[in-house]
Amino acid sequence: MLVENREDVTILAPRHRFDTNTAPEVEKSIWENIGNGDGKMVIDFSQVDYISSAGLRVLLKTAKQIKKGGGKLGLCNLNDQIKEVLELSGFMGIIDCHDSVDSCIAAFE
């Protein structure tokens, strides 16, 4: 998992699959970087080719915590398969999704 900080935005970039095997590691990294949820976080899916229900569960918990803390969460660089999973599961209405890290950060302003 790559972690980058740009000013007041934390960018996390999981790799390959976001499933039962990797979700605990991704979740741990998110919680280490989320603080009390009042910050800004981008999850960059450019290197993720699959998401399972375990990955969706982590995203939902993250979105709830950030919303509760008054922070902002955005997802970006979704491939067609992940975009379809998020649309079918209703996540596109809960979490802002963008084409790039930069457009995600710009939407936070």
PDB file of N, CA and C in Angstrom:
ATOM      1  N   MET A   1       0.840  -1.172   0.000  1.00  0.00           N
ATOM      2  CA  MET A   1       0.000   0.000   0.000  1.00  0.00           C
ATOM      3  C   MET A   1       0.887   1.237   0.000  1.00  0.00           C
ATOM      4  N   LEU A   2       0.650   2.092  -0.949  1.00  0.00           N
ATOM      5  CA  LEU A   2       1.387   3.356  -1.011  1.00  0.00           C
ATOM      6  C   LEU A   2       0.595   4.427  -0.280  1.00  0.00           C
ATOM      7  N   VAL A   3       1.287   5.238   0.508  1.00  0.00           N
ATOM      8  CA  VAL A   3       0.659   6.338   1.231  1.00  0.00           C
ATOM      9  C   VAL A   3       1.427   7.608   0.884  1.00  0.00           C
ATOM     10  N   GLU A   4       0.677   8.632   0.507  1.00  0.00           N
ATOM     11  CA  GLU A   4       1.283   9.913   0.155  1.00  0.00           C
ATOM     12  C   GLU A   4       0.476  11.016   0.824  1.00  0.00           C
ATOM     13  N   ASN A   5       1.144  12.063   1.220  1.00  0.00           N
ATOM     14  CA  ASN A   5       0.460  13.229   1.782  1.00  0.00           C
ATOM     15  C   ASN A   5       0.731  14.431   0.905  1.00  0.00           C
ATOM     16  N   ARG A   6      -0.343  15.093   0.504  1.00  0.00           N
ATOM     17  CA  ARG A   6      -0.243  16.347  -0.253  1.00  0.00           C
ATOM     18  C   ARG A   6      -0.958  17.408   0.554  1.00  0.00           C
ATOM     19  N   GLU A   7      -0.186  18.259   1.163  1.00  0.00           N
ATOM     20  CA  GLU A   7      -0.701  19.290   2.044  1.00  0.00           C
ATOM     21  C   GLU A   7      -1.601  18.650   3.101  1.00  0.00           C
ATOM     22  N   ASP A   8      -2.904  18.883   3.051  1.00  0.00           N
ATOM     23  CA  ASP A   8      -3.796  18.340   4.080  1.00  0.00           C
ATOM     24  C   ASP A   8      -4.604  17.136   3.591  1.00  0.00           C
ATOM     25  N   VAL A   9      -4.156  16.498   2.511  1.00  0.00           N
ATOM     26  CA  VAL A   9      -4.865  15.345   1.951  1.00  0.00           C
ATOM     27  C   VAL A   9      -3.976  14.105   2.018  1.00  0.00           C
ATOM     28  N   THR A  10      -4.529  13.029   2.551  1.00  0.00           N
ATOM     29  CA  THR A  10      -3.827  11.747   2.566  1.00  0.00           C
ATOM     30  C   THR A  10      -4.314  10.929   1.380  1.00  0.00           C
ATOM     31  N   ILE A  11      -3.379  10.400   0.614  1.00  0.00           N
ATOM     32  CA  ILE A  11      -3.705   9.584  -0.552  1.00  0.00           C
ATOM     33  C   ILE A  11      -3.218   8.167  -0.295  1.00  0.00           C
ATOM     34  N   LEU A  12      -4.141   7.226  -0.330  1.00  0.00           N
ATOM     35  CA  LEU A  12      -3.813   5.818  -0.148  1.00  0.00           C
ATOM     36  C   LEU A  12      -4.003   5.101  -1.470  1.00  0.00           C
ATOM     37  N   ALA A  13      -3.072   4.237  -1.810  1.00  0.00           N
ATOM     38  CA  ALA A  13      -3.157   3.505  -3.075  1.00  0.00           C
ATOM     39  C   ALA A  13      -2.952   2.015  -2.825  1.00  0.00           C
ATOM     40  N   PRO A  14      -4.068   1.297  -2.586  1.00  0.00           N
ATOM     41  CA  PRO A  14      -3.954  -0.152  -2.443  1.00  0.00           C
ATOM     42  C   PRO A  14      -3.502  -0.776  -3.769  1.00  0.00           C
ATOM     43  N   ARG A  15      -3.069  -2.027  -3.706  1.00  0.00           N
ATOM     44  CA  ARG A  15      -2.571  -2.679  -4.917  1.00  0.00           C
ATOM     45  C   ARG A  15      -3.309  -3.983  -5.186  1.00  0.00           C
ATOM     46  N   HIS A  16      -3.489  -4.278  -6.441  1.00  0.00           N
ATOM     47  CA  HIS A  16      -4.002  -5.534  -6.969  1.00  0.00           C
ATOM     48  C   HIS A  16      -5.444  -5.819  -6.571  1.00  0.00           C
ATOM     49  N   ARG A  17      -5.650  -6.582  -5.518  1.00  0.00           N
ATOM     50  CA  ARG A  17      -6.996  -6.986  -5.112  1.00  0.00           C
ATOM     51  C   ARG A  17      -7.335  -6.369  -3.756  1.00  0.00           C
ATOM     52  N   PHE A  18      -8.574  -5.926  -3.635  1.00  0.00           N
ATOM     53  CA  PHE A  18      -9.079  -5.398  -2.366  1.00  0.00           C
ATOM     54  C   PHE A  18     -10.136  -6.393  -1.916  1.00  0.00           C
ATOM     55  N   ASP A  19      -9.682  -7.463  -1.277  1.00  0.00           N
ATOM     56  CA  ASP A  19     -10.565  -8.580  -0.938  1.00  0.00           C
ATOM     57  C   ASP A  19     -10.320  -9.048   0.492  1.00  0.00           C
ATOM     58  N   THR A  20     -10.829 -10.225   0.834  1.00  0.00           N
ATOM     59  CA  THR A  20     -10.718 -10.755   2.186  1.00  0.00           C
ATOM     60  C   THR A  20      -9.275 -10.835   2.656  1.00  0.00           C
ATOM     61  N   ASN A  21      -8.362 -11.160   1.751  1.00  0.00           N
ATOM     62  CA  ASN A  21      -6.958 -11.294   2.135  1.00  0.00           C
ATOM     63  C   ASN A  21      -6.273  -9.946   2.365  1.00  0.00           C
ATOM     64  N   THR A  22      -6.646  -8.936   1.622  1.00  0.00           N
ATOM     65  CA  THR A  22      -5.950  -7.644   1.709  1.00  0.00           C
ATOM     66  C   THR A  22      -6.726  -6.573   2.477  1.00  0.00           C
ATOM     67  N   ALA A  23      -8.019  -6.768   2.659  1.00  0.00           N
ATOM     68  CA  ALA A  23      -8.844  -5.750   3.326  1.00  0.00           C
ATOM     69  C   ALA A  23      -8.325  -5.387   4.725  1.00  0.00           C
ATOM     70  N   PRO A  24      -7.879  -6.360   5.543  1.00  0.00           N
ATOM     71  CA  PRO A  24      -7.371  -5.970   6.870  1.00  0.00           C
ATOM     72  C   PRO A  24      -6.163  -5.026   6.799  1.00  0.00           C
ATOM     73  N   GLU A  25      -5.266  -5.268   5.865  1.00  0.00           N
ATOM     74  CA  GLU A  25      -4.094  -4.399   5.710  1.00  0.00           C
ATOM     75  C   GLU A  25      -4.510  -3.001   5.245  1.00  0.00           C
ATOM     76  N   VAL A  26      -5.425  -2.950   4.273  1.00  0.00           N
ATOM     77  CA  VAL A  26      -5.910  -1.662   3.777  1.00  0.00           C
ATOM     78  C   VAL A  26      -6.634  -0.918   4.896  1.00  0.00           C
ATOM     79  N   GLU A  27      -7.485  -1.630   5.624  1.00  0.00           N
ATOM     80  CA  GLU A  27      -8.229  -1.001   6.714  1.00  0.00           C
ATOM     81  C   GLU A  27      -7.281  -0.461   7.784  1.00  0.00           C
ATOM     82  N   LYS A  28      -6.261  -1.229   8.126  1.00  0.00           N
ATOM     83  CA  LYS A  28      -5.282  -0.785   9.125  1.00  0.00           C
ATOM     84  C   LYS A  28      -4.606   0.503   8.664  1.00  0.00           C
ATOM     85  N   SER A  29      -4.211   0.556   7.415  1.00  0.00           N
ATOM     86  CA  SER A  29      -3.565   1.746   6.873  1.00  0.00           C
ATOM     87  C   SER A  29      -4.519   2.938   6.874  1.00  0.00           C
ATOM     88  N   ILE A  30      -5.772   2.700   6.525  1.00  0.00           N
ATOM     89  CA  ILE A  30      -6.766   3.778   6.548  1.00  0.00           C
ATOM     90  C   ILE A  30      -6.900   4.330   7.958  1.00  0.00           C
ATOM     91  N   TRP A  31      -7.075   3.454   8.942  1.00  0.00           N
ATOM     92  CA  TRP A  31      -7.302   3.917  10.317  1.00  0.00           C
ATOM     93  C   TRP A  31      -6.066   4.590  10.901  1.00  0.00           C
ATOM     94  N   GLU A  32      -4.880   4.171  10.463  1.00  0.00           N
ATOM     95  CA  GLU A  32      -3.660   4.845  10.911  1.00  0.00           C
ATOM     96  C   GLU A  32      -3.586   6.264  10.360  1.00  0.00           C
ATOM     97  N   ASN A  33      -4.218   6.491   9.223  1.00  0.00           N
ATOM     98  CA  ASN A  33      -4.146   7.792   8.563  1.00  0.00           C
ATOM     99  C   ASN A  33      -5.401   8.648   8.701  1.00  0.00           C
ATOM    100  N   ILE A  34      -6.476   8.068   9.180  1.00  0.00           N
ATOM    101  CA  ILE A  34      -7.748   8.782   9.207  1.00  0.00           C
ATOM    102  C   ILE A  34      -7.886   9.683  10.438  1.00  0.00           C
ATOM    103  N   GLY A  35      -7.161   9.380  11.497  1.00  0.00           N
ATOM    104  CA  GLY A  35      -7.291  10.162  12.724  1.00  0.00           C
ATOM    105  C   GLY A  35      -8.709  10.064  13.246  1.00  0.00           C
ATOM    106  N   ASN A  36      -9.303  11.199  13.578  1.00  0.00           N
ATOM    107  CA  ASN A  36     -10.671  11.182  14.085  1.00  0.00           C
ATOM    108  C   ASN A  36     -11.691  11.407  12.971  1.00  0.00           C
ATOM    109  N   GLY A  37     -11.227  11.360  11.728  1.00  0.00           N
ATOM    110  CA  GLY A  37     -12.149  11.459  10.595  1.00  0.00           C
ATOM    111  C   GLY A  37     -12.379  12.859  10.089  1.00  0.00           C
ATOM    112  N   ASP A  38     -11.635  13.827  10.637  1.00  0.00           N
ATOM    113  CA  ASP A  38     -11.892  15.207  10.226  1.00  0.00           C
ATOM    114  C   ASP A  38     -10.992  15.669   9.088  1.00  0.00           C
ATOM    115  N   GLY A  39     -10.196  14.787   8.548  1.00  0.00           N
ATOM    116  CA  GLY A  39      -9.284  15.148   7.464  1.00  0.00           C
ATOM    117  C   GLY A  39      -9.856  14.837   6.093  1.00  0.00           C
ATOM    118  N   LYS A  40      -8.970  14.916   5.108  1.00  0.00           N
ATOM    119  CA  LYS A  40      -9.347  14.624   3.726  1.00  0.00           C
ATOM    120  C   LYS A  40      -8.548  13.419   3.263  1.00  0.00           C
ATOM    121  N   MET A  41      -9.236  12.454   2.654  1.00  0.00           N
ATOM    122  CA  MET A  41      -8.581  11.235   2.204  1.00  0.00           C
ATOM    123  C   MET A  41      -9.034  10.865   0.805  1.00  0.00           C
ATOM    124  N   VAL A  42      -8.064  10.479  -0.010  1.00  0.00           N
ATOM    125  CA  VAL A  42      -8.321   9.970  -1.351  1.00  0.00           C
ATOM    126  C   VAL A  42      -7.830   8.528  -1.376  1.00  0.00           C
ATOM    127  N   ILE A  43      -8.664   7.634  -1.889  1.00  0.00           N
ATOM    128  CA  ILE A  43      -8.228   6.259  -2.114  1.00  0.00           C
ATOM    129  C   ILE A  43      -8.117   6.084  -3.622  1.00  0.00           C
ATOM    130  N   ASP A  44      -6.886   5.865  -4.060  1.00  0.00           N
ATOM    131  CA  ASP A  44      -6.546   5.772  -5.474  1.00  0.00           C
ATOM    132  C   ASP A  44      -6.573   4.301  -5.901  1.00  0.00           C
ATOM    133  N   PHE A  45      -7.510   3.971  -6.773  1.00  0.00           N
ATOM    134  CA  PHE A  45      -7.697   2.594  -7.224  1.00  0.00           C
ATOM    135  C   PHE A  45      -6.946   2.277  -8.519  1.00  0.00           C
ATOM    136  N   SER A  46      -5.977   3.100  -8.897  1.00  0.00           N
ATOM    137  CA  SER A  46      -5.281   2.896 -10.174  1.00  0.00           C
ATOM    138  C   SER A  46      -4.557   1.552 -10.258  1.00  0.00           C
ATOM    139  N   GLN A  47      -4.190   0.975  -9.113  1.00  0.00           N
ATOM    140  CA  GLN A  47      -3.482  -0.300  -9.123  1.00  0.00           C
ATOM    141  C   GLN A  47      -4.342  -1.453  -8.600  1.00  0.00           C
ATOM    142  N   VAL A  48      -5.637  -1.202  -8.445  1.00  0.00           N
ATOM    143  CA  VAL A  48      -6.553  -2.241  -7.946  1.00  0.00           C
ATOM    144  C   VAL A  48      -7.360  -2.778  -9.118  1.00  0.00           C
ATOM    145  N   ASP A  49      -7.395  -4.100  -9.242  1.00  0.00           N
ATOM    146  CA  ASP A  49      -8.154  -4.692 -10.348  1.00  0.00           C
ATOM    147  C   ASP A  49      -9.391  -5.449  -9.896  1.00  0.00           C
ATOM    148  N   TYR A  50      -9.622  -5.543  -8.574  1.00  0.00           N
ATOM    149  CA  TYR A  50     -10.771  -6.298  -8.069  1.00  0.00           C
ATOM    150  C   TYR A  50     -11.124  -5.816  -6.669  1.00  0.00           C
ATOM    151  N   ILE A  51     -12.425  -5.734  -6.382  1.00  0.00           N
ATOM    152  CA  ILE A  51     -12.884  -5.431  -5.026  1.00  0.00           C
ATOM    153  C   ILE A  51     -13.983  -6.420  -4.665  1.00  0.00           C
ATOM    154  N   SER A  52     -13.909  -6.942  -3.445  1.00  0.00           N
ATOM    155  CA  SER A  52     -14.924  -7.892  -2.962  1.00  0.00           C
ATOM    156  C   SER A  52     -15.782  -7.206  -1.899  1.00  0.00           C
ATOM    157  N   SER A  53     -16.700  -7.965  -1.330  1.00  0.00           N
ATOM    158  CA  SER A  53     -17.562  -7.407  -0.279  1.00  0.00           C
ATOM    159  C   SER A  53     -16.734  -6.981   0.936  1.00  0.00           C
ATOM    160  N   ALA A  54     -15.615  -7.643   1.184  1.00  0.00           N
ATOM    161  CA  ALA A  54     -14.741  -7.245   2.301  1.00  0.00           C
ATOM    162  C   ALA A  54     -14.176  -5.852   2.043  1.00  0.00           C
ATOM    163  N   GLY A  55     -13.798  -5.575   0.810  1.00  0.00           N
ATOM    164  CA  GLY A  55     -13.308  -4.246   0.449  1.00  0.00           C
ATOM    165  C   GLY A  55     -14.404  -3.202   0.553  1.00  0.00           C
ATOM    166  N   LEU A  56     -15.606  -3.567   0.112  1.00  0.00           N
ATOM    167  CA  LEU A  56     -16.744  -2.648   0.212  1.00  0.00           C
ATOM    168  C   LEU A  56     -17.047  -2.315   1.672  1.00  0.00           C
ATOM    169  N   ARG A  57     -16.947  -3.304   2.528  1.00  0.00           N
ATOM    170  CA  ARG A  57     -17.201  -3.098   3.961  1.00  0.00           C
ATOM    171  C   ARG A  57     -16.209  -2.067   4.529  1.00  0.00           C
ATOM    172  N   VAL A  58     -14.930  -2.192   4.148  1.00  0.00           N
ATOM    173  CA  VAL A  58     -13.920  -1.229   4.610  1.00  0.00           C
ATOM    174  C   VAL A  58     -14.263   0.176   4.103  1.00  0.00           C
ATOM    175  N   LEU A  59     -14.658   0.283   2.844  1.00  0.00           N
ATOM    176  CA  LEU A  59     -15.023   1.600   2.297  1.00  0.00           C
ATOM    177  C   LEU A  59     -16.207   2.200   3.038  1.00  0.00           C
ATOM    178  N   LEU A  60     -17.202   1.385   3.351  1.00  0.00           N
ATOM    179  CA  LEU A  60     -18.384   1.876   4.052  1.00  0.00           C
ATOM    180  C   LEU A  60     -18.024   2.373   5.455  1.00  0.00           C
ATOM    181  N   LYS A  61     -17.228   1.593   6.184  1.00  0.00           N
ATOM    182  CA  LYS A  61     -16.799   2.010   7.524  1.00  0.00           C
ATOM    183  C   LYS A  61     -16.011   3.311   7.454  1.00  0.00           C
ATOM    184  N   THR A  62     -15.143   3.413   6.464  1.00  0.00           N
ATOM    185  CA  THR A  62     -14.332   4.618   6.291  1.00  0.00           C
ATOM    186  C   THR A  62     -15.218   5.822   5.985  1.00  0.00           C
ATOM    187  N   ALA A  63     -16.155   5.653   5.062  1.00  0.00           N
ATOM    188  CA  ALA A  63     -17.054   6.752   4.695  1.00  0.00           C
ATOM    189  C   ALA A  63     -17.865   7.222   5.902  1.00  0.00           C
ATOM    190  N   LYS A  64     -18.355   6.286   6.695  1.00  0.00           N
ATOM    191  CA  LYS A  64     -19.140   6.653   7.884  1.00  0.00           C
ATOM    192  C   LYS A  64     -18.296   7.430   8.884  1.00  0.00           C
ATOM    193  N   GLN A  65     -17.067   6.966   9.139  1.00  0.00           N
ATOM    194  CA  GLN A  65     -16.196   7.633  10.109  1.00  0.00           C
ATOM    195  C   GLN A  65     -15.819   9.033   9.642  1.00  0.00           C
ATOM    196  N   ILE A  66     -15.496   9.160   8.372  1.00  0.00           N
ATOM    197  CA  ILE A  66     -15.106  10.472   7.850  1.00  0.00           C
ATOM    198  C   ILE A  66     -16.297  11.429   7.850  1.00  0.00           C
ATOM    199  N   LYS A  67     -17.464  10.923   7.492  1.00  0.00           N
ATOM    200  CA  LYS A  67     -18.660  11.779   7.504  1.00  0.00           C
ATOM    201  C   LYS A  67     -18.952  12.244   8.933  1.00  0.00           C
ATOM    202  N   LYS A  68     -18.841  11.327   9.887  1.00  0.00           N
ATOM    203  CA  LYS A  68     -19.104  11.651  11.292  1.00  0.00           C
ATOM    204  C   LYS A  68     -18.118  12.712  11.796  1.00  0.00           C
ATOM    205  N   GLY A  69     -16.866  12.636  11.334  1.00  0.00           N
ATOM    206  CA  GLY A  69     -15.850  13.583  11.783  1.00  0.00           C
ATOM    207  C   GLY A  69     -15.827  14.883  11.016  1.00  0.00           C
ATOM    208  N   GLY A  70     -16.656  14.983   9.965  1.00  0.00           N
ATOM    209  CA  GLY A  70     -16.691  16.200   9.166  1.00  0.00           C
ATOM    210  C   GLY A  70     -15.609  16.273   8.104  1.00  0.00           C
ATOM    211  N   GLY A  71     -14.943  15.152   7.852  1.00  0.00           N
ATOM    212  CA  GLY A  71     -13.895  15.119   6.835  1.00  0.00           C
ATOM    213  C   GLY A  71     -14.462  14.843   5.451  1.00  0.00           C
ATOM    214  N   LYS A  72     -13.559  14.565   4.516  1.00  0.00           N
ATOM    215  CA  LYS A  72     -13.983  14.299   3.140  1.00  0.00           C
ATOM    216  C   LYS A  72     -13.241  13.076   2.618  1.00  0.00           C
ATOM    217  N   LEU A  73     -13.971  12.254   1.863  1.00  0.00           N
ATOM    218  CA  LEU A  73     -13.413  11.040   1.269  1.00  0.00           C
ATOM    219  C   LEU A  73     -13.735  11.031  -0.215  1.00  0.00           C
ATOM    220  N   GLY A  74     -12.761  10.651  -1.006  1.00  0.00           N
ATOM    221  CA  GLY A  74     -12.981  10.507  -2.438  1.00  0.00           C
ATOM    222  C   GLY A  74     -12.246   9.286  -2.962  1.00  0.00           C
ATOM    223  N   LEU A  75     -12.825   8.665  -3.975  1.00  0.00           N
ATOM    224  CA  LEU A  75     -12.193   7.538  -4.660  1.00  0.00           C
ATOM    225  C   LEU A  75     -11.847   7.994  -6.065  1.00  0.00           C
ATOM    226  N   CYS A  76     -10.776   7.441  -6.623  1.00  0.00           N
ATOM    227  CA  CYS A  76     -10.435   7.827  -7.988  1.00  0.00           C
ATOM    228  C   CYS A  76      -9.771   6.679  -8.738  1.00  0.00           C
ATOM    229  N   ASN A  77      -9.686   6.871 -10.048  1.00  0.00           N
ATOM    230  CA  ASN A  77      -9.048   5.911 -10.956  1.00  0.00           C
ATOM    231  C   ASN A  77      -9.675   4.518 -10.881  1.00  0.00           C
ATOM    232  N   LEU A  78     -10.993   4.478 -10.899  1.00  0.00           N
ATOM    233  CA  LEU A  78     -11.715   3.205 -10.837  1.00  0.00           C
ATOM    234  C   LEU A  78     -11.752   2.562 -12.222  1.00  0.00           C
ATOM    235  N   ASN A  79     -11.407   1.277 -12.296  1.00  0.00           N
ATOM    236  CA  ASN A  79     -11.570   0.595 -13.586  1.00  0.00           C
ATOM    237  C   ASN A  79     -13.059   0.290 -13.784  1.00  0.00           C
ATOM    238  N   ASP A  80     -13.435  -0.159 -14.959  1.00  0.00           N
ATOM    239  CA  ASP A  80     -14.856  -0.376 -15.274  1.00  0.00           C
ATOM    240  C   ASP A  80     -15.511  -1.396 -14.352  1.00  0.00           C
ATOM    241  N   GLN A  81     -14.802  -2.461 -14.017  1.00  0.00           N
ATOM    242  CA  GLN A  81     -15.363  -3.498 -13.154  1.00  0.00           C
ATOM    243  C   GLN A  81     -15.629  -2.963 -11.750  1.00  0.00           C
ATOM    244  N   ILE A  82     -14.673  -2.251 -11.184  1.00  0.00           N
ATOM    245  CA  ILE A  82     -14.859  -1.698  -9.841  1.00  0.00           C
ATOM    246  C   ILE A  82     -15.958  -0.644  -9.846  1.00  0.00           C
ATOM    247  N   LYS A  83     -15.996   0.176 -10.884  1.00  0.00           N
ATOM    248  CA  LYS A  83     -17.047   1.185 -11.009  1.00  0.00           C
ATOM    249  C   LYS A  83     -18.424   0.519 -11.037  1.00  0.00           C
ATOM    250  N   GLU A  84     -18.538  -0.579 -11.771  1.00  0.00           N
ATOM    251  CA  GLU A  84     -19.809  -1.295 -11.849  1.00  0.00           C
ATOM    252  C   GLU A  84     -20.204  -1.870 -10.490  1.00  0.00           C
ATOM    253  N   VAL A  85     -19.259  -2.451  -9.774  1.00  0.00           N
ATOM    254  CA  VAL A  85     -19.538  -2.996  -8.439  1.00  0.00           C
ATOM    255  C   VAL A  85     -20.016  -1.877  -7.505  1.00  0.00           C
ATOM    256  N   LEU A  86     -19.347  -0.730  -7.551  1.00  0.00           N
ATOM    257  CA  LEU A  86     -19.741   0.391  -6.693  1.00  0.00           C
ATOM    258  C   LEU A  86     -21.109   0.932  -7.075  1.00  0.00           C
ATOM    259  N   GLU A  87     -21.408   0.972  -8.373  1.00  0.00           N
ATOM    260  CA  GLU A  87     -22.729   1.430  -8.817  1.00  0.00           C
ATOM    261  C   GLU A  87     -23.825   0.465  -8.360  1.00  0.00           C
ATOM    262  N   LEU A  88     -23.614  -0.835  -8.579  1.00  0.00           N
ATOM    263  CA  LEU A  88     -24.621  -1.828  -8.212  1.00  0.00           C
ATOM    264  C   LEU A  88     -24.861  -1.899  -6.713  1.00  0.00           C
ATOM    265  N   SER A  89     -23.828  -1.634  -5.930  1.00  0.00           N
ATOM    266  CA  SER A  89     -23.959  -1.707  -4.476  1.00  0.00           C
ATOM    267  C   SER A  89     -24.410  -0.384  -3.861  1.00  0.00           C
ATOM    268  N   GLY A  90     -24.581   0.654  -4.686  1.00  0.00           N
ATOM    269  CA  GLY A  90     -25.070   1.936  -4.203  1.00  0.00           C
ATOM    270  C   GLY A  90     -24.001   2.852  -3.627  1.00  0.00           C
ATOM    271  N   PHE A  91     -22.748   2.473  -3.746  1.00  0.00           N
ATOM    272  CA  PHE A  91     -21.670   3.272  -3.167  1.00  0.00           C
ATOM    273  C   PHE A  91     -21.415   4.569  -3.924  1.00  0.00           C
ATOM    274  N   MET A  92     -21.755   4.612  -5.198  1.00  0.00           N
ATOM    275  CA  MET A  92     -21.515   5.823  -5.986  1.00  0.00           C
ATOM    276  C   MET A  92     -22.326   7.004  -5.437  1.00  0.00           C
ATOM    277  N   GLY A  93     -23.429   6.722  -4.768  1.00  0.00           N
ATOM    278  CA  GLY A  93     -24.224   7.781  -4.163  1.00  0.00           C
ATOM    279  C   GLY A  93     -23.739   8.172  -2.781  1.00  0.00           C
ATOM    280  N   ILE A  94     -22.843   7.387  -2.207  1.00  0.00           N
ATOM    281  CA  ILE A  94     -22.351   7.629  -0.852  1.00  0.00           C
ATOM    282  C   ILE A  94     -20.973   8.288  -0.863  1.00  0.00           C
ATOM    283  N   ILE A  95     -20.129   7.854  -1.792  1.00  0.00           N
ATOM    284  CA  ILE A  95     -18.737   8.307  -1.849  1.00  0.00           C
ATOM    285  C   ILE A  95     -18.490   8.978  -3.198  1.00  0.00           C
ATOM    286  N   ASP A  96     -17.871  10.140  -3.159  1.00  0.00           N
ATOM    287  CA  ASP A  96     -17.538  10.846  -4.396  1.00  0.00           C
ATOM    288  C   ASP A  96     -16.455  10.090  -5.156  1.00  0.00           C
ATOM    289  N   CYS A  97     -16.654   9.913  -6.452  1.00  0.00           N
ATOM    290  CA  CYS A  97     -15.702   9.207  -7.298  1.00  0.00           C
ATOM    291  C   CYS A  97     -15.265  10.133  -8.427  1.00  0.00           C
ATOM    292  N   HIS A  98     -13.971  10.111  -8.721  1.00  0.00           N
ATOM    293  CA  HIS A  98     -13.392  11.003  -9.717  1.00  0.00           C
ATOM    294  C   HIS A  98     -12.435  10.244 -10.623  1.00  0.00           C
ATOM    295  N   ASP A  99     -12.031  10.906 -11.701  1.00  0.00           N
ATOM    296  CA  ASP A  99     -11.147  10.273 -12.677  1.00  0.00           C
ATOM    297  C   ASP A  99      -9.687  10.256 -12.259  1.00  0.00           C
ATOM    298  N   SER A 100      -9.272  11.195 -11.413  1.00  0.00           N
ATOM    299  CA  SER A 100      -7.861  11.282 -11.035  1.00  0.00           C
ATOM    300  C   SER A 100      -7.721  11.778  -9.606  1.00  0.00           C
ATOM    301  N   VAL A 101      -6.518  11.611  -9.072  1.00  0.00           N
ATOM    302  CA  VAL A 101      -6.221  12.123  -7.731  1.00  0.00           C
ATOM    303  C   VAL A 101      -6.418  13.638  -7.719  1.00  0.00           C
ATOM    304  N   ASP A 102      -5.892  14.305  -8.728  1.00  0.00           N
ATOM    305  CA  ASP A 102      -6.002  15.772  -8.766  1.00  0.00           C
ATOM    306  C   ASP A 102      -7.445  16.254  -8.800  1.00  0.00           C
ATOM    307  N   SER A 103      -8.302  15.605  -9.599  1.00  0.00           N
ATOM    308  CA  SER A 103      -9.706  16.040  -9.651  1.00  0.00           C
ATOM    309  C   SER A 103     -10.420  15.731  -8.331  1.00  0.00           C
ATOM    310  N   CYS A 104     -10.002  14.675  -7.676  1.00  0.00           N
ATOM    311  CA  CYS A 104     -10.574  14.333  -6.373  1.00  0.00           C
ATOM    312  C   CYS A 104     -10.215  15.417  -5.348  1.00  0.00           C
ATOM    313  N   ILE A 105      -8.942  15.796  -5.321  1.00  0.00           N
ATOM    314  CA  ILE A 105      -8.487  16.834  -4.400  1.00  0.00           C
ATOM    315  C   ILE A 105      -9.164  18.166  -4.705  1.00  0.00           C
ATOM    316  N   ALA A 106      -9.293  18.485  -5.989  1.00  0.00           N
ATOM    317  CA  ALA A 106      -9.939  19.738  -6.374  1.00  0.00           C
ATOM    318  C   ALA A 106     -11.399  19.781  -5.911  1.00  0.00           C
ATOM    319  N   ALA A 107     -12.064  18.644  -5.888  1.00  0.00           N
ATOM    320  CA  ALA A 107     -13.468  18.582  -5.447  1.00  0.00           C
ATOM    321  C   ALA A 107     -13.606  18.847  -3.948  1.00  0.00           C
ATOM    322  N   PHE A 108     -12.528  18.669  -3.204  1.00  0.00           N
ATOM    323  CA  PHE A 108     -12.561  18.930  -1.766  1.00  0.00           C
ATOM    324  C   PHE A 108     -12.605  20.414  -1.447  1.00  0.00           C
ATOM    325  N   GLU A 109     -12.165  21.240  -2.374  1.00  0.00           N
ATOM    326  CA  GLU A 109     -12.061  22.694  -2.121  1.00  0.00           C
ATOM    327  C   GLU A 109     -13.411  23.335  -2.075  1.00  0.00           C
TER     328      GLU A 109
END
